[in-house]
Amino acid sequence: MTETCSVHLLADVPDCIPTIANWYKGEWPAWFGDTPVEEIEADFRTVANRDCLPLALAACDSDGRPLGACSVRNDVFEPYSHAGPWLRGLYVHTPFRGQGIAQQLIRAASDHAARLQLPRLYAATHSAIATFERAGWLGFDQVRHEGQLLTIFAKRIG
């Protein structure tokens, strides 16, 4: 576990946005395709909220450098349009994986959801199944989306 990691609302650490946007573009090229990184940065600025959805979180080291990020959004996920809001884009930069940072981001997202009085959060993943299970989320369904089999998770908040 990274002792010097802390999770912040992205609104409080906006200097992290360019780094995180570049990470997302590199990690999910099928999703972002030809989207210029400036557009991804602009999207992050729209989720840099404190007291309403959407919001984003950034895990940072003691020097304020980003280590990972996620967002909580109330937008529609087409294969599962009856559910939401969603914890989306859970990402920890490769050199920092396996240190508990994803767990800290998931916990912080749940804490902010509770603060906003949301009854539950959902997540969909094909690659972070064990991460959500370790965090106590319930995987209860699977859907096929863009050629991948995704597990749908839920976490009761309130």
Protein backbone atom coordinates (compact mmCIF):
# COMPACT_ATOMS: atom_id res chain seq x y z
CA MET A 1 0.00 0.00 0.00
CA THR A 2 1.30 3.45 -0.87
CA GLU A 3 1.54 5.27 2.46
CA THR A 4 1.91 8.67 0.81
CA CYS A 5 -1.14 8.37 -1.44
CA SER A 6 -4.15 10.60 -0.88
CA VAL A 7 -7.34 10.90 -2.89
CA HIS A 8 -8.66 14.33 -3.86
CA LEU A 9 -11.58 15.68 -5.80
CA LEU A 10 -10.22 16.56 -9.23
CA ALA A 11 -11.65 20.04 -8.64
CA ASP A 12 -8.98 20.46 -5.95
CA VAL A 13 -6.06 19.22 -8.08
CA PRO A 14 -6.84 20.46 -11.62
CA ASP A 15 -3.15 20.46 -12.58
CA CYS A 16 -3.45 16.65 -12.78
CA ILE A 17 -5.90 16.80 -15.69
CA PRO A 18 -3.39 16.76 -18.60
CA THR A 19 -1.53 13.76 -17.18
CA ILE A 20 -4.72 11.81 -16.47
CA ALA A 21 -6.14 12.62 -19.92
CA ASN A 22 -2.98 11.28 -21.57
CA TRP A 23 -3.17 8.12 -19.46
CA TYR A 24 -6.78 7.48 -20.45
CA LYS A 25 -6.05 8.01 -24.14
CA GLY A 26 -3.14 5.56 -23.93
CA GLU A 27 -4.99 2.96 -21.84
CA TRP A 28 -8.23 2.89 -23.82
CA PRO A 29 -7.39 3.63 -27.48
CA ALA A 30 -10.47 1.74 -28.71
CA TRP A 31 -12.69 4.03 -26.63
CA PHE A 32 -10.95 7.34 -27.32
CA GLY A 33 -9.88 6.57 -30.89
CA ASP A 34 -8.94 9.75 -32.72
CA THR A 35 -10.23 12.00 -29.93
CA PRO A 36 -7.63 14.72 -29.37
CA VAL A 37 -6.22 14.71 -25.85
CA GLU A 38 -7.44 18.31 -25.50
CA GLU A 39 -11.04 17.04 -25.77
CA ILE A 40 -10.39 14.45 -23.09
CA GLU A 41 -8.94 17.20 -20.88
CA ALA A 42 -12.03 19.33 -21.52
CA ASP A 43 -14.24 16.43 -20.45
CA PHE A 44 -12.25 16.12 -17.21
CA ARG A 45 -12.81 19.81 -16.56
CA THR A 46 -16.58 19.22 -16.80
CA VAL A 47 -16.37 16.54 -14.08
CA ALA A 48 -14.16 18.59 -11.77
CA ASN A 49 -17.08 19.26 -9.41
CA ARG A 50 -17.30 19.16 -5.64
CA ASP A 51 -20.96 19.00 -4.66
CA CYS A 52 -22.75 17.40 -7.59
CA LEU A 53 -22.42 14.74 -10.25
CA PRO A 54 -20.46 14.23 -12.32
CA LEU A 55 -17.33 14.33 -10.22
CA ALA A 56 -13.85 12.93 -10.58
CA LEU A 57 -11.19 11.85 -8.13
CA ALA A 58 -7.43 11.76 -8.40
CA ALA A 59 -5.05 9.74 -6.25
CA CYS A 60 -1.83 11.71 -5.74
CA ASP A 61 1.51 11.08 -4.07
CA SER A 62 2.87 13.33 -1.32
CA ASP A 63 4.31 15.69 -3.95
CA GLY A 64 0.92 16.08 -5.65
CA ARG A 65 1.77 13.93 -8.67
CA PRO A 66 -1.17 11.88 -9.95
CA LEU A 67 -1.11 8.10 -9.48
CA GLY A 68 -4.62 7.22 -10.64
CA ALA A 69 -8.15 8.48 -11.16
CA CYS A 70 -11.82 7.61 -11.52
CA SER A 71 -15.12 9.41 -11.93
CA VAL A 72 -18.69 9.10 -10.72
CA ARG A 73 -21.15 9.94 -13.46
CA ASN A 74 -24.87 9.78 -13.88
CA ASP A 75 -24.78 9.33 -17.64
CA VAL A 76 -26.39 6.38 -19.38
CA PHE A 77 -24.41 3.21 -20.06
CA GLU A 78 -26.36 1.82 -23.03
CA PRO A 79 -26.07 -1.90 -22.34
CA TYR A 80 -27.41 -1.25 -18.82
CA SER A 81 -29.40 1.93 -19.20
CA HIS A 82 -31.72 1.32 -16.22
CA ALA A 83 -28.87 1.62 -13.67
CA GLY A 84 -26.67 4.40 -12.38
CA PRO A 85 -24.84 6.42 -11.33
CA TRP A 86 -21.62 4.72 -12.41
CA LEU A 87 -18.10 4.62 -11.08
CA ARG A 88 -16.20 4.92 -14.35
CA GLY A 89 -12.68 5.08 -15.66
CA LEU A 90 -10.96 3.48 -12.67
CA TYR A 91 -7.31 3.78 -13.61
CA VAL A 92 -4.02 3.45 -11.75
CA HIS A 93 -0.87 4.31 -13.66
CA THR A 94 1.10 1.13 -14.40
CA PRO A 95 4.13 1.74 -12.09
CA PHE A 96 1.80 2.16 -9.10
CA ARG A 97 -0.52 -0.81 -9.58
CA GLY A 98 -0.74 -3.44 -6.86
CA GLN A 99 -0.29 -0.89 -4.07
CA GLY A 100 -3.92 -0.47 -3.01
CA ILE A 101 -4.50 2.77 -4.90
CA ALA A 102 -7.52 1.43 -6.79
CA GLN A 103 -9.07 0.43 -3.45
CA GLN A 104 -8.53 3.96 -2.13
CA LEU A 105 -10.17 5.45 -5.22
CA ILE A 106 -13.16 3.09 -4.97
CA ARG A 107 -13.56 3.87 -1.25
CA ALA A 108 -13.35 7.63 -1.89
CA ALA A 109 -15.92 7.36 -4.71
CA SER A 110 -18.25 5.50 -2.33
CA ASP A 111 -17.68 8.12 0.37
CA HIS A 112 -18.54 10.96 -2.02
CA ALA A 113 -21.61 9.05 -3.20
CA ALA A 114 -22.74 8.77 0.44
CA ARG A 115 -22.12 12.48 0.95
CA LEU A 116 -24.34 13.17 -2.07
CA GLN A 117 -26.95 10.76 -0.65
CA LEU A 118 -26.83 8.36 -3.59
CA PRO A 119 -28.41 4.99 -2.75
CA ARG A 120 -25.91 2.92 -4.74
CA LEU A 121 -23.15 2.98 -7.33
CA TYR A 122 -22.62 0.70 -10.30
CA ALA A 123 -19.51 -0.24 -12.24
CA ALA A 124 -18.87 -2.30 -15.37
CA THR A 125 -15.51 -3.94 -16.04
CA HIS A 126 -13.83 -6.76 -17.86
CA SER A 127 -10.40 -6.29 -16.29
CA ALA A 128 -10.85 -5.13 -12.69
CA ILE A 129 -13.23 -7.82 -11.45
CA ALA A 130 -11.03 -8.88 -8.53
CA THR A 131 -10.46 -5.22 -7.60
CA PHE A 132 -14.18 -4.58 -7.18
CA GLU A 133 -14.71 -7.89 -5.39
CA ARG A 134 -11.95 -6.99 -2.88
CA ALA A 135 -13.70 -3.66 -2.34
CA GLY A 136 -16.89 -5.50 -1.35
CA TRP A 137 -18.89 -4.77 -4.48
CA LEU A 138 -21.36 -7.35 -5.74
CA GLY A 139 -20.90 -8.63 -9.29
CA PHE A 140 -24.42 -9.61 -10.29
CA ASP A 141 -24.72 -9.61 -14.08
CA GLN A 142 -22.77 -9.69 -17.33
CA VAL A 143 -23.34 -7.85 -20.58
CA ARG A 144 -21.54 -7.84 -23.89
CA HIS A 145 -20.38 -4.38 -24.96
CA GLU A 146 -18.17 -3.57 -27.94
CA GLY A 147 -16.93 -7.15 -28.14
CA GLN A 148 -16.10 -7.52 -24.45
CA LEU A 149 -17.94 -9.39 -21.73
CA LEU A 150 -18.38 -6.93 -18.85
CA THR A 151 -19.30 -7.79 -15.30
CA ILE A 152 -21.80 -5.36 -13.76
CA PHE A 153 -21.10 -4.51 -10.11
CA ALA A 154 -23.17 -2.64 -7.56
CA LYS A 155 -22.41 -1.20 -4.16
CA ARG A 156 -25.19 -0.15 -1.76
CA ILE A 157 -24.27 3.27 -0.40
CA GLY A 158 -27.19 4.62 1.59
